[in-house]
């Protein structure tokens, strides 16, 4: 699970594992949690998104079955930066053909950019080498998270082949 700092990655992971979301701190390294979804055990690596940490993201790509990319929909100023980082991820050899779930997070806020506009901002329609999906969501309320994870389980390759 990747995305810029403050996108809501840790909050999403905490919400999906029914953890406390009242005192989330910026992730300095990574968090790992297991989520049971439709009979599958998903090991989710939530990796910090600060600019200084991003060069290390590639250290976690081995055996990746899916990429969850989280966007702060309420921060339109950083959509271009988010698009650049996603494009770099999609160019990584170890992530070739890995399905991508984009969570357009913070849709509960008045300043949120709608998911269809995020599709354009991230140039998602240009992705032709893998399955992708965008899911409007709110890590705070949990809305949209279940739908996104169901899509992931359906479209990520299983460990059994």
Protein backbone atom coordinates (compact mmCIF):
# COMPACT_ATOMS: atom_id res chain seq x y z
CA UNK A 1 0.00 0.00 0.00
CA UNK A 2 1.69 3.13 -1.26
CA UNK A 3 0.89 6.80 -1.74
CA UNK A 4 2.15 10.20 -0.69
CA UNK A 5 2.47 11.09 2.96
CA UNK A 6 -0.85 12.01 4.59
CA UNK A 7 -2.89 10.16 1.94
CA UNK A 8 -4.48 7.93 4.58
CA UNK A 9 -2.73 4.59 4.06
CA UNK A 10 -2.32 3.78 7.74
CA UNK A 11 -5.84 4.93 8.56
CA UNK A 12 -7.23 2.67 5.82
CA UNK A 13 -5.28 -0.28 7.16
CA UNK A 14 -6.33 0.42 10.74
CA UNK A 15 -9.98 0.83 9.74
CA UNK A 16 -9.96 -2.46 7.82
CA UNK A 17 -8.47 -4.32 10.78
CA UNK A 18 -10.86 -2.61 13.19
CA UNK A 19 -8.00 -0.79 14.90
CA UNK A 20 -8.11 2.59 16.59
CA UNK A 21 -7.93 5.46 14.10
CA UNK A 22 -8.08 8.29 16.62
CA UNK A 23 -4.29 8.67 17.05
CA UNK A 24 -2.63 7.89 13.72
CA UNK A 25 0.94 9.16 13.41
CA UNK A 26 2.96 9.49 10.17
CA UNK A 27 4.51 6.15 9.26
CA UNK A 28 8.29 6.39 9.54
CA UNK A 29 9.02 2.98 8.07
CA UNK A 30 6.28 0.49 7.43
CA UNK A 31 3.38 -1.33 9.05
CA UNK A 32 2.34 -4.87 8.17
CA UNK A 33 -1.14 -6.17 8.85
CA UNK A 34 -3.02 -9.22 7.69
CA UNK A 35 -6.58 -8.83 6.47
CA UNK A 36 -8.99 -11.68 5.82
CA UNK A 37 -11.04 -10.94 2.70
CA UNK A 38 -13.38 -13.43 1.02
CA UNK A 39 -11.39 -16.40 2.34
CA UNK A 40 -8.02 -14.91 1.35
CA UNK A 41 -5.37 -13.72 3.78
CA UNK A 42 -3.91 -10.48 2.48
CA UNK A 43 -0.59 -9.37 3.96
CA UNK A 44 -0.65 -5.61 3.52
CA UNK A 45 2.54 -3.57 3.73
CA UNK A 46 1.76 0.06 4.51
CA UNK A 47 4.93 1.96 3.64
CA UNK A 48 5.56 5.57 4.62
CA UNK A 49 5.05 8.12 1.86
CA UNK A 50 7.37 10.94 2.88
CA UNK A 51 9.61 12.08 0.05
CA UNK A 52 12.74 10.85 1.87
CA UNK A 53 11.28 7.32 2.15
CA UNK A 54 10.00 6.93 -1.44
CA UNK A 55 13.38 5.84 -2.91
CA UNK A 56 13.15 2.79 -0.63
CA UNK A 57 9.70 1.70 -1.82
CA UNK A 58 11.28 -0.63 -4.40
CA UNK A 59 12.79 -2.72 -1.59
CA UNK A 60 9.28 -4.05 -0.89
CA UNK A 61 8.20 -5.08 -4.42
CA UNK A 62 9.34 -8.72 -4.37
CA UNK A 63 6.36 -11.13 -4.61
CA UNK A 64 3.80 -8.30 -4.83
CA UNK A 65 0.41 -9.56 -5.99
CA UNK A 66 -1.33 -6.18 -6.15
CA UNK A 67 -0.61 -2.51 -5.64
CA UNK A 68 -2.93 -0.40 -3.52
CA UNK A 69 -2.23 3.26 -4.23
CA UNK A 70 -3.86 5.81 -1.94
CA UNK A 71 -4.57 9.38 -3.01
CA UNK A 72 -5.63 12.23 -0.73
CA UNK A 73 -8.61 13.46 -2.76
CA UNK A 74 -8.84 16.61 -0.66
CA UNK A 75 -5.32 17.81 -1.58
CA UNK A 76 -5.66 18.89 -5.21
CA UNK A 77 -2.28 20.70 -5.01
CA UNK A 78 -0.48 17.35 -4.72
CA UNK A 79 -2.36 15.39 -7.39
CA UNK A 80 0.40 16.07 -9.93
CA UNK A 81 3.05 14.80 -7.50
CA UNK A 82 0.90 11.75 -6.77
CA UNK A 83 0.50 11.07 -10.51
CA UNK A 84 4.28 11.26 -11.00
CA UNK A 85 4.94 8.78 -8.19
CA UNK A 86 2.29 6.37 -9.51
CA UNK A 87 3.76 6.53 -13.03
CA UNK A 88 7.18 5.67 -11.61
CA UNK A 89 5.71 2.73 -9.71
CA UNK A 90 3.96 1.40 -12.81
CA UNK A 91 7.30 1.49 -14.66
CA UNK A 92 8.97 -0.78 -12.08
CA UNK A 93 9.97 -4.15 -13.51
CA UNK A 94 8.90 -6.04 -10.36
CA UNK A 95 5.40 -4.55 -10.60
CA UNK A 96 4.77 -5.41 -14.26
CA UNK A 97 1.16 -6.54 -14.81
CA UNK A 98 0.37 -6.24 -11.09
CA UNK A 99 -3.23 -5.02 -10.73
CA UNK A 100 -3.67 -1.57 -9.21
CA UNK A 101 -6.40 -0.45 -6.83
CA UNK A 102 -6.43 3.32 -6.41
CA UNK A 103 -8.25 4.47 -3.31
CA UNK A 104 -9.47 8.05 -3.82
CA UNK A 105 -9.47 8.70 -0.08
CA UNK A 106 -11.04 11.46 2.01
CA UNK A 107 -14.20 11.64 -0.10
CA UNK A 108 -16.04 12.60 3.10
CA UNK A 109 -14.42 16.06 2.97
CA UNK A 110 -16.01 18.99 1.16
CA UNK A 111 -12.74 19.76 -0.67
CA UNK A 112 -12.47 16.24 -2.14
CA UNK A 113 -11.86 15.94 -5.87
CA UNK A 114 -14.33 13.38 -7.31
CA UNK A 115 -12.92 9.98 -8.28
CA UNK A 116 -13.57 10.54 -12.01
CA UNK A 117 -11.42 13.68 -11.92
CA UNK A 118 -8.68 11.74 -10.12
CA UNK A 119 -8.76 9.20 -12.97
CA UNK A 120 -7.87 12.07 -15.32
CA UNK A 121 -5.30 13.65 -12.97
CA UNK A 122 -3.45 10.34 -12.55
CA UNK A 123 -3.87 9.47 -16.25
CA UNK A 124 -5.27 6.08 -15.26
CA UNK A 125 -7.01 5.55 -18.60
CA UNK A 126 -3.58 5.37 -20.26
CA UNK A 127 -2.77 2.20 -18.27
CA UNK A 128 -3.02 -0.62 -20.77
CA UNK A 129 -0.72 -3.30 -19.38
CA UNK A 130 -2.65 -4.25 -16.24
CA UNK A 131 -6.03 -4.19 -14.57
CA UNK A 132 -6.78 -1.08 -12.53
CA UNK A 133 -9.70 0.25 -10.56
CA UNK A 134 -10.41 3.47 -8.71
CA UNK A 135 -12.54 3.40 -5.60
CA UNK A 136 -13.85 6.52 -3.90
CA UNK A 137 -13.51 5.98 -0.18
CA UNK A 138 -13.19 7.46 3.26
CA UNK A 139 -10.71 5.82 5.63
CA UNK A 140 -12.43 7.68 8.45
CA UNK A 141 -15.92 6.29 7.83
CA UNK A 142 -14.84 3.08 6.09
CA UNK A 143 -17.03 3.83 3.08
CA UNK A 144 -15.72 2.23 -0.12
CA UNK A 145 -12.95 0.20 1.54
CA UNK A 146 -14.76 -3.13 1.40
CA UNK A 147 -15.62 -2.68 -2.29
CA UNK A 148 -11.99 -1.90 -3.10
CA UNK A 149 -10.69 -4.94 -1.25
CA UNK A 150 -13.26 -7.20 -2.91
CA UNK A 151 -12.02 -5.99 -6.31
CA UNK A 152 -8.43 -6.68 -5.23
CA UNK A 153 -9.14 -10.25 -4.14
CA UNK A 154 -10.99 -10.92 -7.40
CA UNK A 155 -8.22 -9.48 -9.58
CA UNK A 156 -4.92 -10.15 -7.80
CA UNK A 157 -3.16 -13.36 -8.66
CA UNK A 158 -3.46 -15.96 -5.95
CA UNK A 159 -0.43 -17.46 -4.27
CA UNK A 160 -1.50 -20.89 -5.54
CA UNK A 161 -0.91 -19.81 -9.10
